[in-house]
Amino acid sequence: MTADTRQIEAAIYERLSRVIDPELGRSVTDLGMIAAINAVPAGDGRAAYDVTIQVELTVPGCPLSETITNQINGAVASYPDATLTPHIEVTSMSHDKLADLVADLKAERKQNPFNKPGIKTRIFAIASGKGGVGKSSVTANLAATFAALGYDTAAIDADIYGFSLPKLFGVHTQPTNLNGMLMPVTAWGVKLISIGMFAGADRAILWRGPRLQRSLEQFLADVWWGEPDVLLLDLAPGTGDMAISVAQALPNAELVVVTTPQPSASDVAVRSGLVALQVPMKVRGVVENMSWYEHKGEKLRIFGEGGGQRVSDQLTEALGYDVPLMAQLPLEPELRETGESGRPAVLTPEGALREDGIGREFRALAERLMR
């Protein structure tokens, strides 16, 4: 090996250190995925080098192998002399190497990663007093909005009985299992986990108490989340076991209460916010969904009006601090139709945040939450 080839290989390795594994959020060099780099003169009269890079993916058939390969090609192409012809050989790690990598990652992260000191993640638990108020739709579109605004965003479908985030995000795959550590599925820029992604999830789930709490602990501790800027939890309606489990596992979470305008919904929604009197969780604010339907320029209050403000006023009085009405979202059929097709309605088909009505409303809500 000549000094030139050693220099080239070192320079390529340095460039590959900037290639980030999309699932683990670490460089491919830190993860030990670059097994070898070999540069040899092309030998055809050109002042060029043929470069072979041996890449070891964490699992066979990794769904992101093409993404990683394209990034490696781009890193090699950034070499200033532009005389390199890369050849990438892709294999998978040995069982022992993967076991060592997972052990290192688990040791570094330890258990619930969202409780460690100095964590930067803002955690919003989206709650409602009753079903049918659009809580999951609000969660999905809010998560997609955060991601479109550039935040590293994660979401947990904590509604074990009525999970719906996989459908709303168009997810039909299971999380990748790395020796007992799960990689969340990424859709529309959001890292997701839900019981609905696993085999047999279409059967009725009859869990209570400790088993429900264990499911949340597994979603938090056994999934590699990295360090997202925002984590949203779609809670089950009401004030049952899961709401209490979230408060115990994530005392830094902020509750966002979703209601509709009519009294029958808003009166029950107040109770979901009053959970904060029993557990160490702050209520961040209230979102009124289905506030109006716009028809020929007129706002029709199909479900009445004032429910969100009633919830805000009652929680502010009961809790002793300001619980603002943060947003009033219109009733839009497209929100349901697009969501059921697997794309959050706040996004264009290309994945950008819409600039019209519903996009503006959710952008304003996301920005207010982060203030």
Protein backbone atom coordinates (compact mmCIF):
# COMPACT_ATOMS: atom_id res chain seq x y z
CA MET A 1 0.00 0.00 0.00
CA THR A 2 1.41 3.38 -1.00
CA ALA A 3 1.25 6.62 0.98
CA ASP A 4 -1.23 7.92 -1.60
CA THR A 5 -3.69 5.07 -1.09
CA ARG A 6 -3.40 5.29 2.71
CA GLN A 7 -4.12 9.00 2.52
CA ILE A 8 -7.10 8.42 0.25
CA GLU A 9 -8.53 5.70 2.51
CA ALA A 10 -8.13 7.90 5.59
CA ALA A 11 -9.81 10.82 3.81
CA ILE A 12 -12.73 8.62 2.73
CA TYR A 13 -13.13 7.24 6.25
CA GLU A 14 -13.28 10.80 7.57
CA ARG A 15 -16.01 11.64 5.07
CA LEU A 16 -17.94 8.49 5.97
CA SER A 17 -17.96 9.63 9.60
CA ARG A 18 -20.55 12.19 8.49
CA VAL A 19 -22.89 9.54 7.07
CA ILE A 20 -25.60 9.00 9.69
CA ASP A 21 -27.60 5.80 10.06
CA PRO A 22 -31.21 7.08 9.80
CA GLU A 23 -32.53 4.69 12.45
CA LEU A 24 -29.82 4.86 15.10
CA GLY A 25 -28.86 8.48 14.54
CA ARG A 26 -25.13 7.71 14.69
CA SER A 27 -22.45 7.75 12.04
CA VAL A 28 -21.78 4.51 10.19
CA THR A 29 -18.17 4.64 11.37
CA ASP A 30 -19.13 4.96 15.06
CA LEU A 31 -21.48 2.00 14.65
CA GLY A 32 -18.74 -0.17 13.15
CA MET A 33 -20.63 -0.53 9.87
CA ILE A 34 -17.55 0.26 7.73
CA ALA A 35 -15.61 -3.01 7.79
CA ALA A 36 -12.91 -2.02 5.27
CA ILE A 37 -11.87 0.61 2.72
CA ASN A 38 -9.50 -0.31 -0.08
CA ALA A 39 -8.22 2.15 -2.71
CA VAL A 40 -6.15 0.93 -5.67
CA PRO A 41 -5.01 2.70 -8.85
CA ALA A 42 -7.45 2.13 -11.68
CA GLY A 43 -4.59 0.90 -13.88
CA ASP A 44 -6.09 2.02 -17.17
CA GLY A 45 -3.90 5.01 -17.75
CA ARG A 46 -6.16 7.38 -15.85
CA ALA A 47 -5.08 9.19 -12.70
CA ALA A 48 -7.95 7.52 -10.90
CA TYR A 49 -8.53 5.08 -8.06
CA ASP A 50 -11.00 2.27 -7.66
CA VAL A 51 -12.37 2.28 -4.13
CA THR A 52 -14.05 -0.72 -2.49
CA ILE A 53 -16.03 -0.09 0.70
CA GLN A 54 -17.25 -3.04 2.73
CA VAL A 55 -20.42 -2.09 4.59
CA GLU A 56 -21.92 -4.27 7.30
CA LEU A 57 -25.57 -3.43 7.97
CA THR A 58 -27.10 -4.17 11.34
CA VAL A 59 -29.63 -6.63 9.94
CA PRO A 60 -29.96 -8.53 6.66
CA GLY A 61 -32.29 -6.83 4.22
CA CYS A 62 -32.23 -3.55 6.13
CA PRO A 63 -35.04 -1.39 4.64
CA LEU A 64 -32.74 1.65 4.68
CA SER A 65 -29.79 -0.03 2.95
CA GLU A 66 -30.39 1.94 -0.26
CA THR A 67 -30.51 5.21 1.69
CA ILE A 68 -27.23 4.41 3.46
CA THR A 69 -25.58 3.28 0.20
CA ASN A 70 -26.61 6.50 -1.55
CA GLN A 71 -25.19 8.57 1.31
CA ILE A 72 -21.90 6.64 1.14
CA ASN A 73 -21.70 7.23 -2.61
CA GLY A 74 -22.28 10.93 -1.98
CA ALA A 75 -19.56 11.03 0.68
CA VAL A 76 -17.03 9.40 -1.67
CA ALA A 77 -18.04 11.74 -4.51
CA SER A 78 -17.21 14.70 -2.25
CA TYR A 79 -13.52 13.76 -2.42
CA PRO A 80 -11.85 16.88 -3.86
CA ASP A 81 -9.93 15.19 -6.69
CA ALA A 82 -13.07 13.47 -7.97
CA THR A 83 -10.93 10.60 -9.28
CA LEU A 84 -12.60 7.85 -7.28
CA THR A 85 -14.84 5.09 -8.62
CA PRO A 86 -16.63 3.58 -5.58
CA HIS A 87 -17.74 0.00 -5.32
CA ILE A 88 -19.84 -0.82 -2.27
CA GLU A 89 -20.09 -4.37 -0.95
CA VAL A 90 -23.02 -4.75 1.44
CA THR A 91 -23.26 -7.56 3.99
CA SER A 92 -24.67 -7.79 7.51
CA MET A 93 -22.94 -7.86 10.88
CA SER A 94 -22.12 -11.12 12.57
CA HIS A 95 -24.34 -12.11 15.48
CA ASP A 96 -21.57 -11.38 17.99
CA LYS A 97 -20.75 -7.97 16.54
CA LEU A 98 -24.42 -6.98 16.52
CA ALA A 99 -24.84 -8.22 20.11
CA ASP A 100 -21.88 -6.09 21.22
CA LEU A 101 -23.27 -3.03 19.41
CA VAL A 102 -26.73 -3.42 20.97
CA ALA A 103 -25.20 -3.97 24.42
CA ASP A 104 -23.18 -0.75 24.04
CA LEU A 105 -26.24 1.21 22.93
CA LYS A 106 -28.36 -0.12 25.79
CA ALA A 107 -25.62 0.59 28.33
CA GLU A 108 -25.32 4.13 27.04
CA ARG A 109 -29.04 4.75 27.07
CA LYS A 110 -29.97 2.71 30.12
CA GLN A 111 -33.69 2.39 30.76
CA ASN A 112 -36.25 5.12 30.10
CA PRO A 113 -34.21 7.63 28.06
CA PHE A 114 -36.70 10.46 28.64
CA ASN A 115 -36.12 10.68 32.39
CA LYS A 116 -32.39 11.30 32.38
CA PRO A 117 -31.14 14.69 33.61
CA GLY A 118 -30.74 17.37 30.96
CA ILE A 119 -33.02 15.68 28.42
CA LYS A 120 -33.99 18.21 25.76
CA THR A 121 -37.12 16.40 24.54
CA ARG A 122 -40.43 18.20 24.95
CA ILE A 123 -43.09 15.61 25.74
CA PHE A 124 -46.76 16.26 25.00
CA ALA A 125 -49.41 13.74 26.05
CA ILE A 126 -52.56 14.25 23.96
CA ALA A 127 -55.64 13.40 26.03
CA SER A 128 -59.41 13.55 25.77
CA GLY A 129 -62.29 12.83 28.11
CA LYS A 130 -64.17 10.73 25.57
CA GLY A 131 -63.64 9.08 22.22
CA GLY A 132 -64.70 10.56 18.90
CA VAL A 133 -63.34 14.08 19.42
CA GLY A 134 -60.46 13.64 16.97
CA LYS A 135 -57.65 13.19 19.51
CA SER A 136 -55.66 10.77 17.35
CA SER A 137 -56.13 12.93 14.26
CA VAL A 138 -54.84 15.94 16.22
CA THR A 139 -51.86 13.87 17.44
CA ALA A 140 -50.98 12.63 13.94
CA ASN A 141 -51.25 16.03 12.28
CA LEU A 142 -49.41 17.78 15.11
CA ALA A 143 -46.57 15.25 14.89
CA ALA A 144 -46.38 15.66 11.11
CA THR A 145 -46.34 19.44 11.57
CA PHE A 146 -43.44 19.30 14.03
CA ALA A 147 -41.49 17.07 11.63
CA ALA A 148 -42.21 19.35 8.66
CA LEU A 149 -40.98 22.33 10.71
CA GLY A 150 -37.64 20.58 11.15
CA TYR A 151 -38.03 19.07 14.61
CA ASP A 152 -36.77 15.53 15.26
CA THR A 153 -40.18 14.08 16.11
CA ALA A 154 -41.34 10.83 17.70
CA ALA A 155 -44.83 9.55 18.53
CA ILE A 156 -46.08 6.69 20.70
CA ASP A 157 -49.53 5.25 20.14
CA ALA A 158 -50.39 4.79 23.83
CA ASP A 159 -54.04 4.05 23.03
CA ILE A 160 -53.54 0.30 23.36
CA TYR A 161 -57.22 -0.54 22.83
CA GLY A 162 -57.96 1.86 19.98
CA PHE A 163 -54.60 2.33 18.24
CA SER A 164 -54.89 4.33 15.03
CA LEU A 165 -51.57 6.06 14.32
CA PRO A 166 -50.30 3.30 11.95
CA LYS A 167 -53.34 3.81 9.70
CA LEU A 168 -53.15 7.60 9.88
CA PHE A 169 -49.48 7.49 8.81
CA GLY A 170 -49.92 4.71 6.24
CA VAL A 171 -47.63 2.31 8.10
CA HIS A 172 -47.87 -1.38 7.15
CA THR A 173 -44.46 -2.61 8.35
CA GLN A 174 -43.15 -3.85 11.67
CA PRO A 175 -40.31 -2.24 13.64
CA THR A 176 -36.86 -3.69 12.95
CA ASN A 177 -35.69 -5.90 15.83
CA LEU A 178 -31.99 -5.57 16.71
CA ASN A 179 -31.39 -8.32 19.23
CA GLY A 180 -34.27 -7.20 21.41
CA MET A 181 -33.97 -3.48 20.69
CA LEU A 182 -36.63 -2.12 18.35
CA MET A 183 -36.18 0.56 15.70
CA PRO A 184 -39.29 2.76 15.38
CA VAL A 185 -40.91 2.92 11.96
CA THR A 186 -40.44 6.31 10.28
CA ALA A 187 -43.29 7.75 8.20
CA TRP A 188 -43.69 11.33 6.96
CA GLY A 189 -40.65 12.29 9.02
CA VAL A 190 -42.08 10.96 12.31
CA LYS A 191 -40.62 8.03 14.27
CA LEU A 192 -43.56 5.85 15.35
CA ILE A 193 -44.31 2.88 17.57
CA SER A 194 -47.70 1.26 18.14
CA ILE A 195 -49.05 -2.07 19.30
CA GLY A 196 -50.88 -1.98 15.96
CA MET A 197 -47.59 -2.68 14.16
CA PHE A 198 -47.21 -6.14 15.65
CA ALA A 199 -48.64 -9.48 14.60
CA GLY A 200 -52.01 -10.31 16.13
CA ALA A 201 -52.72 -6.67 16.92
CA ASP A 202 -56.08 -6.89 15.16
CA ARG A 203 -57.39 -9.09 17.96
CA ALA A 204 -59.21 -7.64 20.96
CA ILE A 205 -56.79 -6.52 23.67
CA LEU A 206 -57.95 -7.07 27.24
CA TRP A 207 -55.05 -5.67 29.23
CA ARG A 208 -55.26 -3.93 32.57
CA GLY A 209 -53.05 -2.28 35.17
CA PRO A 210 -49.53 -3.76 35.33
CA ARG A 211 -49.59 -5.14 31.78
CA LEU A 212 -50.63 -1.78 30.37
CA GLN A 213 -47.86 -0.06 32.32
CA ARG A 214 -45.34 -2.62 31.08
CA SER A 215 -46.36 -1.95 27.47
CA LEU A 216 -45.57 1.74 27.93
CA GLU A 217 -42.26 0.96 29.63
CA GLN A 218 -41.31 -1.25 26.68
CA PHE A 219 -42.22 1.48 24.20
CA LEU A 220 -39.97 3.86 26.12
CA ALA A 221 -37.04 1.65 27.10
CA ASP A 222 -36.88 -1.07 24.44
CA VAL A 223 -37.17 1.25 21.43
CA TRP A 224 -34.18 3.22 20.15
CA TRP A 225 -35.50 6.79 19.98
CA GLY A 226 -32.25 8.71 19.95
CA GLU A 227 -32.85 12.17 21.40
CA PRO A 228 -35.89 13.63 19.61
CA ASP A 229 -36.83 17.27 20.01
CA VAL A 230 -40.50 16.36 20.47
CA LEU A 231 -42.29 13.22 21.70
CA LEU A 232 -46.07 12.96 21.41
CA LEU A 233 -48.19 10.32 23.10
CA ASP A 234 -51.67 9.52 21.85
CA LEU A 235 -53.43 8.51 25.08
CA ALA A 236 -56.56 6.42 25.41
CA PRO A 237 -59.69 8.46 26.13
CA GLY A 238 -60.56 9.06 29.77
CA THR A 239 -58.55 8.88 32.96
CA GLY A 240 -57.66 5.19 33.11
CA ASP A 241 -54.51 3.21 33.77
CA MET A 242 -52.51 4.48 30.80
CA ALA A 243 -52.84 8.16 31.77
CA ILE A 244 -51.54 7.35 35.25
CA SER A 245 -48.73 5.21 33.80
CA VAL A 246 -47.64 8.07 31.55
CA ALA A 247 -47.53 10.43 34.51
CA GLN A 248 -45.43 7.97 36.51
CA ALA A 249 -43.05 7.13 33.66
CA LEU A 250 -42.82 10.66 32.23
CA PRO A 251 -43.30 13.21 35.01
CA ASN A 252 -41.93 15.91 32.67
CA ALA A 253 -44.75 15.33 30.16
CA GLU A 254 -47.21 18.14 29.45
CA LEU A 255 -50.88 17.28 28.98
CA VAL A 256 -52.81 18.70 26.02
CA VAL A 257 -56.59 18.21 26.34
CA VAL A 258 -58.65 17.82 23.15
CA THR A 259 -62.38 18.53 23.16
CA THR A 260 -65.16 19.50 20.80
CA PRO A 261 -67.44 22.53 21.34
CA GLN A 262 -70.54 20.81 22.74
CA PRO A 263 -71.06 20.57 26.52
CA SER A 264 -71.32 16.77 26.53
CA ALA A 265 -67.71 16.59 25.33
CA SER A 266 -66.25 19.56 27.18
CA ASP A 267 -67.63 18.54 30.56
CA VAL A 268 -65.94 15.14 30.26
CA ALA A 269 -62.75 16.70 28.90
CA VAL A 270 -62.32 18.69 32.12
CA ARG A 271 -61.97 15.41 34.01
CA SER A 272 -59.06 14.31 31.83
CA GLY A 273 -57.26 17.53 32.72
CA LEU A 274 -57.99 17.13 36.42
CA VAL A 275 -55.72 14.07 36.39
CA ALA A 276 -53.01 16.67 36.99
CA LEU A 277 -54.34 17.09 40.55
CA GLN A 278 -53.44 13.47 41.28
CA VAL A 279 -50.15 13.07 39.40
CA PRO A 280 -47.07 15.25 38.75
CA MET A 281 -48.08 16.40 35.29
CA LYS A 282 -48.77 19.91 34.03
CA VAL A 283 -51.67 20.68 31.71
CA ARG A 284 -50.17 22.71 28.86
CA GLY A 285 -53.40 23.76 27.23
CA VAL A 286 -56.65 22.92 25.47
CA VAL A 287 -57.37 22.26 21.79
CA GLU A 288 -60.94 22.60 20.52
CA ASN A 289 -61.49 20.38 17.50
CA MET A 290 -64.37 20.55 14.97
CA SER A 291 -65.02 24.17 15.99
CA TRP A 292 -66.76 25.12 12.78
CA TYR A 293 -67.43 24.05 9.21
CA GLU A 294 -66.83 26.66 6.55
CA HIS A 295 -69.52 26.75 3.87
CA LYS A 296 -69.49 29.47 1.20
CA GLY A 297 -67.48 31.78 3.41
CA GLU A 298 -69.70 31.27 6.47
CA LYS A 299 -68.54 29.46 9.61
CA LEU A 300 -71.23 27.00 10.63
CA ARG A 301 -71.00 25.99 14.33
CA ILE A 302 -72.38 22.49 13.81
CA PHE A 303 -71.46 21.26 17.30
CA GLY A 304 -72.24 24.49 19.13
CA GLU A 305 -69.52 26.70 20.52
CA GLY A 306 -67.58 27.57 23.64
CA GLY A 307 -66.54 24.09 24.72
CA GLY A 308 -62.81 24.70 24.50
CA GLN A 309 -63.03 27.95 26.44
CA ARG A 310 -65.17 26.26 29.12
CA VAL A 311 -62.52 23.56 29.57
CA SER A 312 -59.79 26.18 29.67
CA ASP A 313 -61.60 28.28 32.28
CA GLN A 314 -62.51 25.35 34.53
CA LEU A 315 -59.02 23.83 34.46
CA THR A 316 -57.39 27.21 35.10
CA GLU A 317 -59.59 27.65 38.19
CA ALA A 318 -59.16 24.09 39.47
CA LEU A 319 -55.40 23.82 38.90
CA GLY A 320 -54.43 27.31 39.96
CA TYR A 321 -52.45 28.25 36.85
CA ASP A 322 -53.24 29.36 33.32
CA VAL A 323 -54.46 26.57 31.04
CA PRO A 324 -55.02 28.43 27.76
CA LEU A 325 -57.22 27.56 24.82
CA MET A 326 -54.37 27.04 22.35
CA ALA A 327 -56.23 26.33 19.10
CA GLN A 328 -59.66 26.04 17.55
CA LEU A 329 -59.48 23.65 14.61
CA PRO A 330 -62.08 23.60 11.84
CA LEU A 331 -64.09 20.57 10.82
CA GLU A 332 -62.65 19.56 7.45
CA PRO A 333 -63.76 16.39 5.65
CA GLU A 334 -60.30 16.27 4.06
CA LEU A 335 -58.78 15.77 7.50
CA ARG A 336 -60.57 12.42 7.69
CA GLU A 337 -60.32 11.45 4.03
CA THR A 338 -56.62 12.19 3.65
CA GLY A 339 -55.81 10.73 7.07
CA GLU A 340 -57.51 7.45 6.24
CA SER A 341 -55.46 7.24 3.06
CA GLY A 342 -52.27 7.24 5.15
CA ARG A 343 -51.12 10.86 4.83
CA PRO A 344 -51.62 13.46 7.58
CA ALA A 345 -53.86 16.15 6.10
CA VAL A 346 -51.49 18.99 7.05
CA LEU A 347 -48.98 17.68 4.50
CA THR A 348 -48.91 17.93 0.74
CA PRO A 349 -48.38 14.68 -1.22
CA GLU A 350 -44.69 15.65 -1.37
CA GLY A 351 -44.51 15.87 2.44
CA ALA A 352 -44.31 19.65 2.83
CA LEU A 353 -46.46 21.53 5.33
CA ARG A 354 -49.54 23.02 3.71
CA GLU A 355 -49.68 26.80 3.71
CA ASP A 356 -53.48 27.08 3.66
CA GLY A 357 -56.07 26.82 6.46
CA ILE A 358 -55.40 23.54 8.27
CA GLY A 359 -51.64 23.81 7.74
CA ARG A 360 -51.60 27.32 9.22
CA GLU A 361 -53.71 26.24 12.20
CA PHE A 362 -51.41 23.36 13.09
CA ARG A 363 -48.27 25.41 12.51
CA ALA A 364 -49.56 28.01 14.95
CA LEU A 365 -50.42 25.29 17.50
CA ALA A 366 -46.98 23.65 17.20
CA GLU A 367 -45.17 26.96 17.55
CA ARG A 368 -47.27 27.92 20.58
CA LEU A 369 -46.59 24.59 22.26
CA MET A 370 -42.85 24.98 21.80
CA ARG A 371 -42.84 28.49 23.26
